[in-house]
Structures are given as C-alpha cells and as structure tokens.
Amino acid sequence: MSEIAETTAHEAYAFACMRCGYGWEQAYEIEHHTDATGQAFVIYKANGERVPSPLSAPTCLNCGGHVVRIMRAGRVSSAQQGMVQYRAPAPTQPAPQDEADATAKPEHHWHLSDLLHPFHRK
C-alpha cells in the first residue's frame, strides 16, 4: 500500500533536558494520512528521515534522559543569547588585589534554572 500524504505541516520545537540542562531545537515535517479503514495517523520526519513523535517520549540528545521540556521554537536560542549577553568579558590582566576586591561578587556559574528562568510563569 502506498502512502500519500494528504497534508504536510512544518513545525519546530525547542527542547530542554531537566537532567543535564542541554537545550536544542528541531524542525519537523508532519504528514497527515488516512489508512484504508479511514483512521487518521501522523508521520513525523526530521531532516528527511522518519522519526518518532517528539511529543510522545522525547530523549535528550546529550545524556539520553527522558525528562525533557518541550517548548515553542526559538526559546532555547533566545535563552542562550541572553546568557551570552550577561557574561562579563574576561580581563586581559589580573586586577590588583586590595580590600575593594575582597567585597566583589564572585563570577556567576550558569545552572539549569538560569536557562529555564525566562520560561517560568508568574
């Protein structure tokens, strides 16, 4: 039986792993079909290859974890750009150590919660 897509939609999603903090985005072609009995079904393709639905059981590309948050496209890239904007440039020379330096804030280390902070609802 040959399958001819009745309609094809293009969707993209952003993903963030709650285990390791890895974030990525993927675009999909979603083909809507109807089988011989009239039952509707969907085929997902990424980069031209058939893949499982990203909405059913996503797997982290980095650690293989299955606790993955799915968001609309652009959320991961915008969060990563925001993180880059807040990073201070590395000093070219070590600063002199004096009493004022002792009260300076330590460099911020990024955590998963920092990446996901823009997505929290109030």
Protein backbone atom coordinates (compact mmCIF):
# COMPACT_ATOMS: atom_id res chain seq x y z
CA MET A 1 0.00 0.00 0.00
CA SER A 2 1.47 3.35 -0.96
CA GLU A 3 1.16 6.24 1.43
CA ILE A 4 0.50 9.66 0.01
CA ALA A 5 0.38 12.49 2.49
CA GLU A 6 -2.96 14.25 2.48
CA THR A 7 -1.43 17.32 4.10
CA THR A 8 2.04 18.19 5.33
CA ALA A 9 2.70 20.71 8.07
CA HIS A 10 6.03 22.14 9.19
CA GLU A 11 6.62 22.59 12.92
CA ALA A 12 9.68 23.29 15.02
CA TYR A 13 10.11 22.69 18.74
CA ALA A 14 12.68 23.63 21.37
CA PHE A 15 13.72 21.08 23.98
CA ALA A 16 15.47 21.41 27.35
CA CYS A 17 16.66 18.41 29.35
CA MET A 18 15.75 18.65 33.04
CA ARG A 19 18.51 16.17 33.88
CA CYS A 20 21.62 17.73 32.33
CA GLY A 21 20.41 21.17 31.14
CA TYR A 22 21.17 20.57 27.46
CA GLY A 23 18.96 22.53 25.06
CA TRP A 24 18.31 22.04 21.34
CA GLU A 25 15.82 22.79 18.60
CA GLN A 26 14.49 20.60 15.80
CA ALA A 27 12.24 21.21 12.78
CA TYR A 28 9.78 18.54 11.64
CA GLU A 29 7.64 17.76 8.61
CA ILE A 30 4.35 16.36 9.88
CA GLU A 31 2.50 14.26 7.32
CA HIS A 32 -1.20 13.63 7.95
CA HIS A 33 -2.52 10.39 6.42
CA THR A 34 -5.66 8.26 6.43
CA ASP A 35 -5.39 4.47 6.29
CA ALA A 36 -7.67 2.09 4.33
CA THR A 37 -10.15 1.92 7.23
CA GLY A 38 -10.45 5.72 7.41
CA GLN A 39 -8.32 6.00 10.56
CA ALA A 40 -6.14 9.13 10.66
CA PHE A 41 -2.45 8.83 11.52
CA VAL A 42 0.59 11.11 11.50
CA ILE A 43 4.20 10.57 10.40
CA TYR A 44 6.96 12.82 11.72
CA LYS A 45 10.11 13.42 9.69
CA ALA A 46 13.25 15.28 10.71
CA ASN A 47 15.91 16.03 8.11
CA GLY A 48 14.02 13.81 5.67
CA GLU A 49 14.06 10.72 7.92
CA ARG A 50 11.07 9.21 9.71
CA VAL A 51 11.31 9.75 13.49
CA PRO A 52 9.04 9.06 16.46
CA SER A 53 6.73 11.85 17.57
CA PRO A 54 8.75 14.40 19.55
CA LEU A 55 5.70 14.93 21.75
CA SER A 56 5.34 11.33 22.98
CA ALA A 57 8.66 10.45 24.67
CA PRO A 58 11.48 12.86 23.84
CA THR A 59 15.02 11.77 24.65
CA CYS A 60 17.89 14.13 25.47
CA LEU A 61 20.49 14.15 22.70
CA ASN A 62 23.21 14.79 25.27
CA CYS A 63 22.57 12.40 28.20
CA GLY A 64 19.75 10.14 26.99
CA GLY A 65 17.42 11.33 29.76
CA HIS A 66 13.67 11.29 29.29
CA VAL A 67 12.68 14.27 31.45
CA VAL A 68 12.61 16.80 28.63
CA ARG A 69 10.64 20.03 28.50
CA ILE A 70 9.13 20.84 25.10
CA MET A 71 8.65 24.49 24.14
CA ARG A 72 7.87 26.51 21.06
CA ALA A 73 10.74 27.05 18.64
CA GLY A 74 13.19 29.84 19.40
CA ARG A 75 13.10 29.50 23.19
CA VAL A 76 16.44 27.72 23.53
CA SER A 77 18.32 30.00 21.13
CA SER A 78 16.89 33.14 22.78
CA ALA A 79 17.86 31.86 26.24
CA GLN A 80 21.37 31.03 25.04
CA GLN A 81 21.73 34.50 23.50
CA GLY A 82 20.58 36.06 26.77
CA MET A 83 23.18 34.07 28.68
CA VAL A 84 25.93 35.31 26.36
CA GLN A 85 24.84 38.94 26.87
CA TYR A 86 25.19 38.65 30.65
CA ARG A 87 28.66 37.14 30.61
CA ALA A 88 31.35 39.64 31.51
CA PRO A 89 34.39 39.80 29.22
CA ALA A 90 37.46 38.11 30.64
CA PRO A 91 40.03 40.57 31.94
CA THR A 92 43.23 40.81 29.91
CA GLN A 93 45.36 41.45 33.00
CA PRO A 94 44.83 40.31 36.57
CA ALA A 95 43.32 43.05 38.68
CA PRO A 96 45.30 44.24 41.69
CA GLN A 97 44.24 42.61 44.96
CA ASP A 98 43.10 45.11 47.55
CA GLU A 99 40.34 45.48 50.11
CA ALA A 100 37.77 46.57 47.47
CA ASP A 101 38.31 43.31 45.55
CA ALA A 102 37.52 41.25 48.63
CA THR A 103 33.92 42.52 48.57
CA ALA A 104 33.44 41.94 44.82
CA LYS A 105 30.83 39.38 43.77
CA PRO A 106 32.18 36.04 42.55
CA GLU A 107 31.73 35.09 38.90
CA HIS A 108 28.27 33.64 38.21
CA HIS A 109 28.12 29.97 37.21
CA TRP A 110 25.18 29.01 35.00
CA HIS A 111 22.75 26.33 36.11
CA LEU A 112 19.71 24.70 34.52
CA SER A 113 17.44 27.07 36.43
CA ASP A 114 19.19 30.03 34.76
CA LEU A 115 18.42 28.60 31.33
CA LEU A 116 14.78 27.97 32.21
CA HIS A 117 14.17 31.19 34.19
CA PRO A 118 12.67 33.08 31.20
CA PHE A 119 10.05 30.32 30.83
CA HIS A 120 8.68 30.40 34.39
CA ARG A 121 5.17 31.78 34.63
CA LYS A 122 4.24 34.21 37.37
